[in-house]
Protein backbone atom coordinates (compact mmCIF):
# COMPACT_ATOMS: atom_id res chain seq x y z
CA MET A 1 -0.76 37.85 -11.21
CA PRO A 2 1.24 37.19 -14.58
CA ALA A 3 -0.45 34.11 -16.26
CA SER A 4 3.35 32.51 -15.91
CA LEU A 5 2.81 32.29 -12.28
CA LEU A 6 -0.17 30.96 -12.32
CA PRO A 7 0.01 27.23 -12.51
CA PRO A 8 3.10 27.10 -10.37
CA ALA A 9 1.11 28.96 -7.51
CA GLN A 10 -2.16 26.32 -7.94
CA ILE A 11 0.47 23.63 -7.79
CA ALA A 12 1.39 24.89 -4.53
CA VAL A 13 -1.41 25.91 -3.13
CA THR A 14 -2.89 22.12 -3.84
CA ILE A 15 0.20 20.24 -2.24
CA ALA A 16 -0.19 22.50 0.61
CA LEU A 17 -4.19 21.76 0.87
CA ALA A 18 -3.40 17.76 0.37
CA GLY A 19 -0.85 17.77 2.72
CA TRP A 20 -2.82 19.83 5.33
CA MET A 21 -5.73 17.47 4.93
CA LEU A 22 -3.66 14.06 5.27
CA THR A 23 -2.38 15.70 8.94
CA ARG A 24 -5.77 16.83 9.81
CA PHE A 25 -8.43 14.07 8.50
CA PHE A 26 -7.04 11.32 9.38
CA THR A 27 -6.29 9.20 12.96
CA ASN A 28 -2.73 8.59 13.98
CA VAL A 29 -3.76 5.45 15.64
CA PRO A 30 -1.08 3.29 16.28
CA GLY A 31 -0.35 0.50 14.02
CA ARG A 32 -2.91 1.95 11.67
CA TRP A 33 -2.49 4.21 8.55
CA MET A 34 -4.57 6.36 6.98
CA ARG A 35 -7.89 6.01 9.18
CA TRP A 36 -10.40 8.37 8.13
CA ALA A 37 -11.84 9.80 11.50
CA MET A 38 -15.35 10.11 10.10
CA PHE A 39 -15.32 6.29 9.93
CA CYS A 40 -14.12 5.87 12.96
CA ARG A 41 -16.98 6.93 15.29
CA ALA A 42 -18.81 3.92 14.64
CA ASN A 43 -18.53 0.80 16.75
CA PHE A 44 -18.89 -2.62 15.19
CA THR A 45 -19.03 -5.86 17.03
CA ILE A 46 -18.06 -9.20 15.54
CA ALA A 47 -19.17 -12.31 17.28
CA THR A 48 -19.79 -16.13 17.65
CA LEU A 49 -22.60 -16.75 20.39
CA ALA A 50 -24.30 -19.70 20.91
CA GLY A 51 -28.01 -19.76 22.99
CA THR A 52 -28.81 -22.30 25.23
CA LYS A 53 -32.68 -23.32 25.57
CA ASP A 54 -33.56 -26.79 27.62
CA GLY A 55 -30.13 -27.95 28.03
CA ARG A 56 -29.35 -27.79 24.11
CA THR A 57 -27.18 -25.27 22.65
CA GLU A 58 -26.95 -23.58 18.85
CA PRO A 59 -25.34 -20.95 17.11
CA VAL A 60 -26.79 -17.78 17.47
CA ASN A 61 -26.87 -15.18 13.80
CA VAL A 62 -27.89 -11.86 15.45
CA TYR A 63 -27.06 -10.62 12.22
CA ALA A 64 -30.62 -12.14 11.55
CA TYR A 65 -32.55 -9.90 13.30
CA LEU A 66 -30.73 -6.34 11.79
CA SER A 67 -33.47 -4.45 9.20
CA PRO A 68 -32.85 -5.09 6.01
CA GLY A 69 -29.56 -3.45 4.76
CA SER A 70 -28.25 -2.50 8.33
CA PHE A 71 -24.67 -3.82 8.71
CA VAL A 72 -23.47 -1.53 11.77
CA LEU A 73 -23.97 -3.46 15.08
CA GLY A 74 -23.04 -1.72 18.18
CA PRO A 75 -22.96 -3.08 21.66
CA PRO A 76 -26.20 -1.45 22.56
CA GLN A 77 -27.78 -3.15 19.37
CA LEU A 78 -26.39 -6.19 20.04
CA GLN A 79 -27.59 -6.29 23.80
CA ALA A 80 -30.95 -5.17 22.41
CA ILE A 81 -31.44 -8.27 20.35
CA LEU A 82 -30.18 -10.22 23.29
CA ILE A 83 -32.70 -9.34 25.57
CA TYR A 84 -35.61 -9.88 22.75
CA LEU A 85 -34.25 -13.46 22.02
CA THR A 86 -33.89 -14.26 25.87
CA ARG A 87 -37.17 -12.36 26.93
CA SER A 88 -39.44 -14.16 24.00
CA GLY A 89 -38.42 -17.47 25.29
CA ARG A 90 -36.52 -18.10 22.02
CA TYR A 91 -32.91 -19.13 24.23
CA ASP A 92 -32.52 -18.99 28.06
CA ARG A 93 -29.23 -17.51 28.08
CA ILE A 94 -26.78 -16.56 25.18
CA ASP A 95 -22.90 -16.99 25.59
CA GLY A 96 -19.60 -16.11 23.33
CA HIS A 97 -17.10 -14.12 22.32
CA GLY A 98 -15.85 -11.48 19.83
CA ARG A 99 -14.00 -8.52 18.80
CA LEU A 100 -15.28 -4.48 19.32
CA LEU A 101 -13.81 -2.33 16.30
CA ASP A 102 -14.23 0.97 17.12
CA ALA A 103 -12.08 4.49 16.69
CA ASP A 104 -9.54 2.86 19.62
CA GLY A 105 -8.90 -0.20 17.75
CA GLU A 106 -10.26 -3.49 18.53
CA ARG A 107 -10.70 -4.59 21.85
CA PRO A 108 -12.25 -8.40 23.15
CA LEU A 109 -15.79 -8.65 23.82
CA THR A 110 -17.58 -10.77 25.80
CA VAL A 111 -21.21 -12.13 26.17
CA GLU A 112 -22.09 -13.96 29.68
CA ASP A 113 -25.68 -14.72 30.58
CA SER A 114 -27.23 -12.69 27.59
CA HIS A 115 -25.08 -9.89 28.75
CA VAL A 116 -22.53 -7.68 26.89
CA VAL A 117 -19.58 -7.29 28.80
CA ARG A 118 -16.53 -5.04 27.26
């Protein structure tokens, strides 16, 4: 191949590869632009919870019960923490609401009587 054709060929291949990557590796969820599928596989919950013990209610920070460095709290992990808090006797029940973020977008999340309801 002549040296003069090499740079245009490299540019064309680079543009084609970049275009293919943009259409293949980013999801096309309505209302969302350029979401990389790798990060869409995780579930995240953001919740405001209140625990009740002997008729008194106080806010519950479930993120304090995650291992150091963890920030991903999916519904199964949230349920495990709720079970721990109620079975240990710290709270009689935990209620609250929040949002579930996953590959399908955002959805409401409810915690009723220490059970995660999607």
